[in-house]
Protein backbone atom coordinates (compact mmCIF):
# COMPACT_ATOMS: atom_id res chain seq x y z
CA UNK A 1 -38.97 -13.13 -7.40
CA UNK A 2 -36.50 -15.80 -6.29
CA UNK A 3 -36.69 -18.79 -8.64
CA UNK A 4 -36.29 -22.14 -6.83
CA UNK A 5 -35.82 -25.71 -8.05
CA UNK A 6 -36.78 -28.49 -5.60
CA UNK A 7 -34.87 -31.80 -5.90
CA UNK A 8 -35.97 -34.79 -3.81
CA UNK A 9 -36.86 -38.40 -4.63
CA UNK A 10 -39.86 -38.32 -2.25
CA UNK A 11 -43.09 -37.18 -3.91
CA UNK A 12 -44.58 -36.28 -0.52
CA UNK A 13 -41.61 -34.15 0.48
CA UNK A 14 -41.50 -32.41 -2.92
CA UNK A 15 -45.14 -31.42 -2.45
CA UNK A 16 -44.54 -30.21 1.12
CA UNK A 17 -41.59 -28.13 -0.06
CA UNK A 18 -43.38 -26.68 -3.07
CA UNK A 19 -46.53 -25.71 -1.19
CA UNK A 20 -44.65 -24.21 1.77
CA UNK A 21 -42.24 -22.23 -0.43
CA UNK A 22 -44.91 -20.86 -2.75
CA UNK A 23 -46.80 -19.36 0.16
CA UNK A 24 -43.96 -16.86 0.38
CA UNK A 25 -44.66 -13.80 -1.82
CA UNK A 26 -41.07 -13.52 -3.12
CA UNK A 27 -40.44 -17.21 -3.91
CA UNK A 28 -41.51 -19.05 -7.03
CA UNK A 29 -40.90 -22.79 -7.44
CA UNK A 30 -40.03 -23.09 -11.13
CA UNK A 31 -39.74 -26.87 -11.14
CA UNK A 32 -39.08 -30.12 -9.29
CA UNK A 33 -36.79 -33.09 -9.94
CA UNK A 34 -36.63 -36.61 -8.54
CA UNK A 35 -32.87 -37.17 -8.81
CA UNK A 36 -29.62 -35.43 -9.62
CA UNK A 37 -29.59 -36.34 -13.31
CA UNK A 38 -32.99 -34.75 -13.83
CA UNK A 39 -31.95 -31.80 -11.66
CA UNK A 40 -28.94 -30.99 -13.85
CA UNK A 41 -31.13 -30.98 -16.98
CA UNK A 42 -33.68 -28.67 -15.35
CA UNK A 43 -31.01 -26.30 -14.00
CA UNK A 44 -29.78 -25.83 -17.57
CA UNK A 45 -33.28 -25.04 -18.86
CA UNK A 46 -34.98 -23.30 -15.91
CA UNK A 47 -31.93 -21.43 -14.54
CA UNK A 48 -33.12 -21.33 -10.91
CA UNK A 49 -31.56 -18.82 -8.54
CA UNK A 50 -31.58 -21.41 -5.75
CA UNK A 51 -31.66 -25.22 -5.89
CA UNK A 52 -32.80 -27.14 -2.81
CA UNK A 53 -31.02 -30.48 -3.13
CA UNK A 54 -31.52 -33.74 -1.24
CA UNK A 55 -28.45 -35.80 -0.42
CA UNK A 56 -29.67 -39.39 -0.85
CA UNK A 57 -31.32 -40.01 -4.24
CA UNK A 58 -31.34 -42.78 -6.88
CA UNK A 59 -29.38 -42.58 -10.19
CA UNK A 60 -27.36 -39.54 -9.09
CA UNK A 61 -27.06 -38.46 -5.44
CA UNK A 62 -26.51 -34.97 -4.10
CA UNK A 63 -22.70 -35.14 -4.00
CA UNK A 64 -22.45 -36.35 -7.60
CA UNK A 65 -24.92 -33.67 -8.66
CA UNK A 66 -22.76 -30.95 -7.10
CA UNK A 67 -19.75 -32.23 -9.03
CA UNK A 68 -21.65 -31.97 -12.33
CA UNK A 69 -22.96 -28.49 -11.46
CA UNK A 70 -19.42 -27.37 -10.74
CA UNK A 71 -17.88 -29.05 -13.77
CA UNK A 72 -20.48 -27.61 -16.15
CA UNK A 73 -20.35 -24.15 -14.51
CA UNK A 74 -24.11 -24.08 -13.92
CA UNK A 75 -25.18 -20.88 -12.17
CA UNK A 76 -27.34 -21.72 -9.17
CA UNK A 77 -26.96 -21.47 -5.39
CA UNK A 78 -27.35 -24.92 -3.79
CA UNK A 79 -28.84 -25.50 -0.34
CA UNK A 80 -28.67 -29.10 0.87
CA UNK A 81 -31.35 -30.98 2.81
CA UNK A 82 -29.43 -33.24 5.19
CA UNK A 83 -30.35 -35.93 7.70
CA UNK A 84 -29.58 -35.31 11.37
CA UNK A 85 -27.19 -38.24 11.72
CA UNK A 86 -23.43 -38.55 12.04
CA UNK A 87 -23.15 -39.84 8.47
CA UNK A 88 -25.56 -37.15 7.28
CA UNK A 89 -23.42 -34.47 8.90
CA UNK A 90 -20.24 -35.90 7.38
CA UNK A 91 -21.85 -35.99 3.93
CA UNK A 92 -23.17 -32.44 4.36
CA UNK A 93 -19.72 -31.04 5.13
CA UNK A 94 -18.43 -32.83 2.06
CA UNK A 95 -21.27 -31.26 0.05
CA UNK A 96 -20.29 -27.81 1.31
CA UNK A 97 -16.71 -28.43 0.22
CA UNK A 98 -17.99 -29.37 -3.25
CA UNK A 99 -19.92 -26.17 -3.80
CA UNK A 100 -23.12 -26.19 -1.76
CA UNK A 101 -23.54 -22.89 0.06
CA UNK A 102 -25.60 -23.98 3.06
CA UNK A 103 -27.79 -26.75 4.43
CA UNK A 104 -30.98 -27.38 6.36
CA UNK A 105 -31.56 -30.49 8.53
CA UNK A 106 -34.26 -32.76 7.12
CA UNK A 107 -36.81 -34.01 9.68
CA UNK A 108 -37.62 -37.72 9.70
CA UNK A 109 -39.78 -40.14 11.66
CA UNK A 110 -42.85 -39.32 13.77
CA UNK A 111 -44.21 -35.86 13.17
CA UNK A 112 -42.01 -35.40 10.11
CA UNK A 113 -44.74 -33.54 8.19
CA UNK A 114 -45.32 -30.80 10.76
CA UNK A 115 -41.60 -30.59 11.52
CA UNK A 116 -40.85 -30.27 7.81
CA UNK A 117 -43.20 -27.33 7.43
CA UNK A 118 -41.70 -25.67 10.51
CA UNK A 119 -38.16 -26.27 9.21
CA UNK A 120 -39.03 -24.82 5.81
CA UNK A 121 -40.65 -21.73 7.28
CA UNK A 122 -38.11 -21.04 10.04
CA UNK A 123 -34.84 -22.18 8.46
CA UNK A 124 -35.05 -22.74 4.72
CA UNK A 125 -36.99 -19.65 3.59
CA UNK A 126 -34.70 -17.16 5.41
CA UNK A 127 -31.68 -18.86 3.77
CA UNK A 128 -33.30 -18.68 0.33
CA UNK A 129 -34.02 -14.99 0.87
CA UNK A 130 -30.46 -14.31 2.04
CA UNK A 131 -28.87 -16.21 -0.84
CA UNK A 132 -31.27 -15.14 -3.59
CA UNK A 133 -30.42 -12.70 -6.40
CA UNK A 134 -31.36 -9.60 -4.38
CA UNK A 135 -28.67 -10.38 -1.78
CA UNK A 136 -24.89 -10.35 -2.03
CA UNK A 137 -24.79 -14.11 -1.55
CA UNK A 138 -24.35 -15.13 -5.18
CA UNK A 139 -22.13 -12.41 -6.60
CA UNK A 140 -20.67 -10.32 -3.80
CA UNK A 141 -19.90 -6.85 -5.07
CA UNK A 142 -16.97 -4.67 -4.11
CA UNK A 143 -18.20 -2.01 -1.71
CA UNK A 144 -16.58 1.15 -0.38
CA UNK A 145 -16.36 1.06 3.40
CA UNK A 146 -17.98 4.25 4.60
CA UNK A 147 -16.77 3.74 8.15
CA UNK A 148 -13.12 3.32 7.20
CA UNK A 149 -10.95 6.32 8.03
CA UNK A 150 -7.26 7.04 7.84
CA UNK A 151 -4.60 5.29 5.76
CA UNK A 152 -4.96 1.88 4.19
CA UNK A 153 -2.33 -0.74 4.89
CA UNK A 154 -1.71 -3.85 2.87
CA UNK A 155 -2.05 -7.01 4.89
CA UNK A 156 0.89 -9.43 4.88
CA UNK A 157 -1.35 -11.90 3.02
CA UNK A 158 -0.77 -15.61 2.75
CA UNK A 159 1.59 -17.66 0.65
CA UNK A 160 -0.98 -20.16 -0.58
CA UNK A 161 -4.42 -18.68 -0.94
CA UNK A 162 -6.10 -15.38 -1.69
CA UNK A 163 -3.88 -12.60 -3.01
CA UNK A 164 -2.87 -9.68 -0.84
CA UNK A 165 -5.67 -7.17 -0.43
CA UNK A 166 -6.01 -4.06 1.69
CA UNK A 167 -7.21 -4.09 5.31
CA UNK A 168 -8.43 -0.85 6.82
CA UNK A 169 -6.43 0.39 9.79
CA UNK A 170 -8.05 1.46 13.08
CA UNK A 171 -8.98 5.13 13.50
CA UNK A 172 -6.27 7.54 14.64
CA UNK A 173 -5.71 7.42 18.36
CA UNK A 174 -6.57 3.70 18.61
CA UNK A 175 -3.43 1.94 19.84
CA UNK A 176 -3.22 -1.81 19.32
CA UNK A 177 -0.94 -3.62 21.76
CA UNK A 178 -0.50 -7.15 20.37
CA UNK A 179 1.58 -8.42 23.28
CA UNK A 180 -1.37 -8.17 25.65
CA UNK A 181 -3.71 -10.49 23.74
CA UNK A 182 -4.63 -13.71 25.58
CA UNK A 183 -7.47 -15.22 23.51
CA UNK A 184 -9.12 -15.23 20.08
CA UNK A 185 -12.88 -15.39 19.49
CA UNK A 186 -14.54 -16.18 16.15
CA UNK A 187 -18.24 -16.04 15.24
CA UNK A 188 -19.55 -17.35 11.91
CA UNK A 189 -22.71 -18.73 10.32
CA UNK A 190 -23.81 -19.18 6.69
CA UNK A 191 -20.77 -20.03 4.59
CA UNK A 192 -18.80 -20.76 7.73
CA UNK A 193 -17.49 -24.31 7.18
CA UNK A 194 -15.71 -23.45 3.93
CA UNK A 195 -14.51 -20.12 5.30
CA UNK A 196 -13.09 -21.82 8.40
CA UNK A 197 -11.25 -24.22 6.09
CA UNK A 198 -9.46 -21.14 4.77
CA UNK A 199 -8.70 -19.73 8.24
CA UNK A 200 -8.04 -22.40 10.88
CA UNK A 201 -5.56 -24.63 8.97
CA UNK A 202 -3.34 -21.57 8.34
CA UNK A 203 -2.53 -21.07 12.02
CA UNK A 204 1.03 -22.29 12.73
CA UNK A 205 1.69 -25.11 15.17
CA UNK A 206 3.39 -22.75 17.63
CA UNK A 207 0.43 -20.35 17.96
CA UNK A 208 0.22 -19.85 21.73
CA UNK A 209 -3.38 -18.67 22.28
CA UNK A 210 -6.68 -20.51 22.64
CA UNK A 211 -9.28 -19.89 19.91
CA UNK A 212 -12.99 -20.00 20.82
CA UNK A 213 -15.34 -20.50 17.89
CA UNK A 214 -19.12 -20.36 17.46
CA UNK A 215 -20.45 -21.74 14.18
CA UNK A 216 -24.24 -21.81 13.88
CA UNK A 217 -24.89 -25.53 13.41
CA UNK A 218 -27.14 -28.21 14.91
CA UNK A 219 -25.86 -31.04 17.13
CA UNK A 220 -23.74 -33.75 15.45
CA UNK A 221 -22.69 -31.32 12.71
CA UNK A 222 -20.37 -29.37 15.03
CA UNK A 223 -18.59 -32.58 16.06
CA UNK A 224 -18.02 -33.46 12.41
CA UNK A 225 -16.81 -29.92 11.71
CA UNK A 226 -14.32 -30.16 14.58
CA UNK A 227 -13.03 -33.52 13.33
CA UNK A 228 -12.68 -32.24 9.79
CA UNK A 229 -10.79 -29.10 10.82
CA UNK A 230 -8.60 -31.06 13.24
CA UNK A 231 -7.44 -33.34 10.42
CA UNK A 232 -6.46 -30.34 8.28
CA UNK A 233 -4.92 -28.13 10.96
CA UNK A 234 -1.64 -27.84 12.85
CA UNK A 235 -3.58 -26.74 15.95
CA UNK A 236 -5.76 -29.13 17.92
CA UNK A 237 -9.46 -28.60 17.09
CA UNK A 238 -12.12 -30.01 19.44
CA UNK A 239 -15.83 -29.81 20.04
CA UNK A 240 -15.95 -28.20 23.48
CA UNK A 241 -17.15 -30.12 26.53
CA UNK A 242 -18.46 -28.73 29.80
CA UNK A 243 -15.69 -27.86 32.30
CA UNK A 244 -12.98 -28.54 29.71
CA UNK A 245 -9.73 -26.87 30.75
CA UNK A 246 -8.54 -24.20 28.32
CA UNK A 247 -5.12 -24.76 26.73
CA UNK A 248 -3.17 -22.59 24.32
CA UNK A 249 -2.91 -23.69 20.70
CA UNK A 250 -6.36 -25.30 20.80
CA UNK A 251 -9.53 -24.40 18.91
CA UNK A 252 -12.74 -24.90 20.92
CA UNK A 253 -15.94 -25.20 18.84
CA UNK A 254 -19.27 -24.68 20.61
CA UNK A 255 -21.41 -27.83 20.28
CA UNK A 256 -24.75 -27.53 18.52
CA UNK A 257 -27.67 -26.52 20.79
CA UNK A 258 -25.32 -25.33 23.59
CA UNK A 259 -24.09 -21.85 24.41
CA UNK A 260 -20.35 -21.77 25.16
CA UNK A 261 -18.73 -19.51 27.76
CA UNK A 262 -15.21 -19.21 29.17
CA UNK A 263 -14.74 -18.70 32.91
CA UNK A 264 -11.89 -18.38 35.37
CA UNK A 265 -11.16 -21.30 37.66
CA UNK A 266 -8.35 -20.47 40.03
CA UNK A 267 -5.35 -19.49 37.93
CA UNK A 268 -6.67 -21.23 34.82
CA UNK A 269 -9.72 -21.02 32.57
CA UNK A 270 -12.44 -23.54 31.69
CA UNK A 271 -15.07 -23.83 28.98
CA UNK A 272 -18.64 -24.11 30.28
CA UNK A 273 -21.75 -25.07 28.33
CA UNK A 274 -25.41 -24.29 28.96
CA UNK A 275 -28.80 -24.46 27.32
CA UNK A 276 -30.07 -21.05 28.33
CA UNK A 277 -32.62 -19.53 25.92
CA UNK A 278 -31.42 -18.87 22.37
CA UNK A 279 -30.17 -15.38 21.54
CA UNK A 280 -30.76 -13.94 18.07
CA UNK A 281 -32.67 -17.22 17.50
CA UNK A 282 -29.33 -19.03 17.89
CA UNK A 283 -27.90 -21.59 20.28
CA UNK A 284 -24.93 -21.49 20.33
CA UNK A 285 -24.83 -17.71 20.02
CA UNK A 286 -21.77 -15.60 19.26
CA UNK A 287 -23.01 -12.87 21.62
CA UNK A 288 -22.94 -15.27 24.57
CA UNK A 289 -19.35 -16.31 23.82
CA UNK A 290 -18.12 -12.75 23.26
CA UNK A 291 -19.68 -11.46 26.50
CA UNK A 292 -17.97 -14.22 28.45
CA UNK A 293 -14.63 -13.44 26.80
CA UNK A 294 -15.07 -9.79 27.80
CA UNK A 295 -15.78 -10.80 31.39
CA UNK A 296 -12.92 -13.30 31.60
CA UNK A 297 -10.16 -11.72 29.51
CA UNK A 298 -11.28 -8.08 29.48
CA UNK A 299 -9.76 -6.31 26.50
CA UNK A 300 -7.07 -8.94 25.90
CA UNK A 301 -9.00 -10.48 23.00
CA UNK A 302 -8.98 -10.42 19.20
CA UNK A 303 -12.57 -11.12 18.06
CA UNK A 304 -13.54 -11.77 14.44
CA UNK A 305 -17.07 -11.77 13.03
CA UNK A 306 -17.28 -13.63 9.74
CA UNK A 307 -19.81 -14.52 7.05
CA UNK A 308 -23.38 -15.21 8.19
CA UNK A 309 -27.02 -14.15 8.28
CA UNK A 310 -28.45 -11.88 10.95
CA UNK A 311 -26.61 -9.82 13.53
CA UNK A 312 -25.43 -12.34 16.12
CA UNK A 313 -22.07 -11.14 17.41
CA UNK A 314 -22.78 -7.41 17.24
CA UNK A 315 -23.79 -6.88 20.87
CA UNK A 316 -21.06 -9.15 22.16
CA UNK A 317 -18.50 -7.35 20.01
CA UNK A 318 -19.71 -4.03 21.44
CA UNK A 319 -19.11 -5.33 24.98
CA UNK A 320 -15.63 -6.50 24.00
CA UNK A 321 -14.91 -3.16 22.34
CA UNK A 322 -15.82 -1.31 25.54
CA UNK A 323 -13.20 -3.42 27.33
CA UNK A 324 -10.56 -2.47 24.76
CA UNK A 325 -10.55 -5.65 22.65
CA UNK A 326 -9.61 -5.68 18.96
CA UNK A 327 -12.61 -6.27 16.66
CA UNK A 328 -12.35 -7.63 13.10
CA UNK A 329 -15.10 -7.97 10.50
CA UNK A 330 -14.85 -9.99 7.30
CA UNK A 331 -15.26 -7.85 4.19
CA UNK A 332 -18.33 -7.96 1.97
CA UNK A 333 -16.56 -9.22 -1.12
CA UNK A 334 -15.41 -12.50 0.45
CA UNK A 335 -18.57 -13.24 2.48
CA UNK A 336 -21.19 -15.72 1.34
CA UNK A 337 -23.71 -13.56 3.22
CA UNK A 338 -22.60 -10.14 4.46
CA UNK A 339 -24.95 -9.99 7.43
CA UNK A 340 -23.18 -10.54 10.74
CA UNK A 341 -19.97 -8.72 9.75
CA UNK A 342 -21.98 -5.97 8.06
CA UNK A 343 -23.62 -4.97 11.34
CA UNK A 344 -20.23 -4.89 13.06
CA UNK A 345 -18.61 -2.89 10.25
CA UNK A 346 -21.45 -0.38 9.93
CA UNK A 347 -21.65 0.13 13.70
CA UNK A 348 -18.15 1.62 13.53
CA UNK A 349 -16.61 -0.70 16.13
CA UNK A 350 -14.46 -2.76 13.74
CA UNK A 351 -10.74 -2.03 14.00
CA UNK A 352 -10.15 -3.69 10.65
CA UNK A 353 -12.28 -4.94 7.76
CA UNK A 354 -10.48 -8.08 6.58
CA UNK A 355 -10.78 -10.26 3.45
CA UNK A 356 -11.07 -13.98 4.12
CA UNK A 357 -7.64 -14.80 2.70
CA UNK A 358 -5.99 -12.38 5.15
CA UNK A 359 -8.00 -13.23 8.27
CA UNK A 360 -5.43 -15.62 9.77
CA UNK A 361 -2.42 -13.41 9.08
CA UNK A 362 -4.26 -10.42 10.56
CA UNK A 363 -5.11 -12.33 13.75
CA UNK A 364 -1.52 -13.51 14.01
CA UNK A 365 -0.21 -9.99 13.58
CA UNK A 366 -2.57 -8.40 16.10
CA UNK A 367 -2.12 -11.15 18.69
CA UNK A 368 1.63 -10.62 18.72
CA UNK A 369 2.61 -13.91 17.13
CA UNK A 370 6.29 -14.06 16.23
CA UNK A 371 6.76 -15.32 12.70
């Protein structure tokens, strides 16, 4: 059973959450709290595996609660309930930087009751299952990579960040030609914002290639993510717009609720957006981006699949692999949820399995960047 604590100042919403969650056979709501102060007390006593935490509450709000949880080393995975507004998105990203693992948008206004139930069933419960004690979300364990063959090479690592750790080399006979790479693709989901904070700001200002990034997030949140990363990075980071011309040294983030593709336009390339049906229950979807990169750049791509639930990115990575692209998968130990990269790693198409702290240096190496 996954033990859950529900924290929200609304009595109605606490009841909706409790009733919806307890219909699931593997979830048990062990308690509720009306504010952060009460939540901290109950976390100490009830020791929930997962805490569902509202942002706006009296006495102690969600951000202050996260600070206390972190300071007192309380063991619980926190999922935030966040409003679908610009301020709500900004606060949510701040919550993720303070220790929350993921978030779910909180419906408001007309039809909020039915929308809340749908959100809980379709979004919250799968996240609770993925992050509960039976998953690798809370305490990722070191795992031997069955698919890895041949010698192991130590990655160059980074000066300020995770220590050097081994990356598996591609199988014998696989020749990597860094000088031919023209684009980088990244797909990420649960745990993505914090992971991207470890990856994107480490790219040097003179990195010459465009980076195309799909992070599973709703509208508004992707714009805030782009702004946040842009402030921390030497590269320019933008939320992509339809028909935006592609430039080197720029990170293009797919906007929430839109698939992102890259297409040729004369001698240049442009980003295009569409609202075609979701793939893998996602829009934007990593598969859509990766297929378009394969069509536009062929094998001249380094594609990385990072932490996240599900298997979005696998089929697109397979298409890229057939074209000769270089495929990277984040390792289990550094993932919040080893889902998306797990499918890539276990399919045997990954050229390297890379720890988070070495992801940037590995991309730089394989793309032919001159240090």
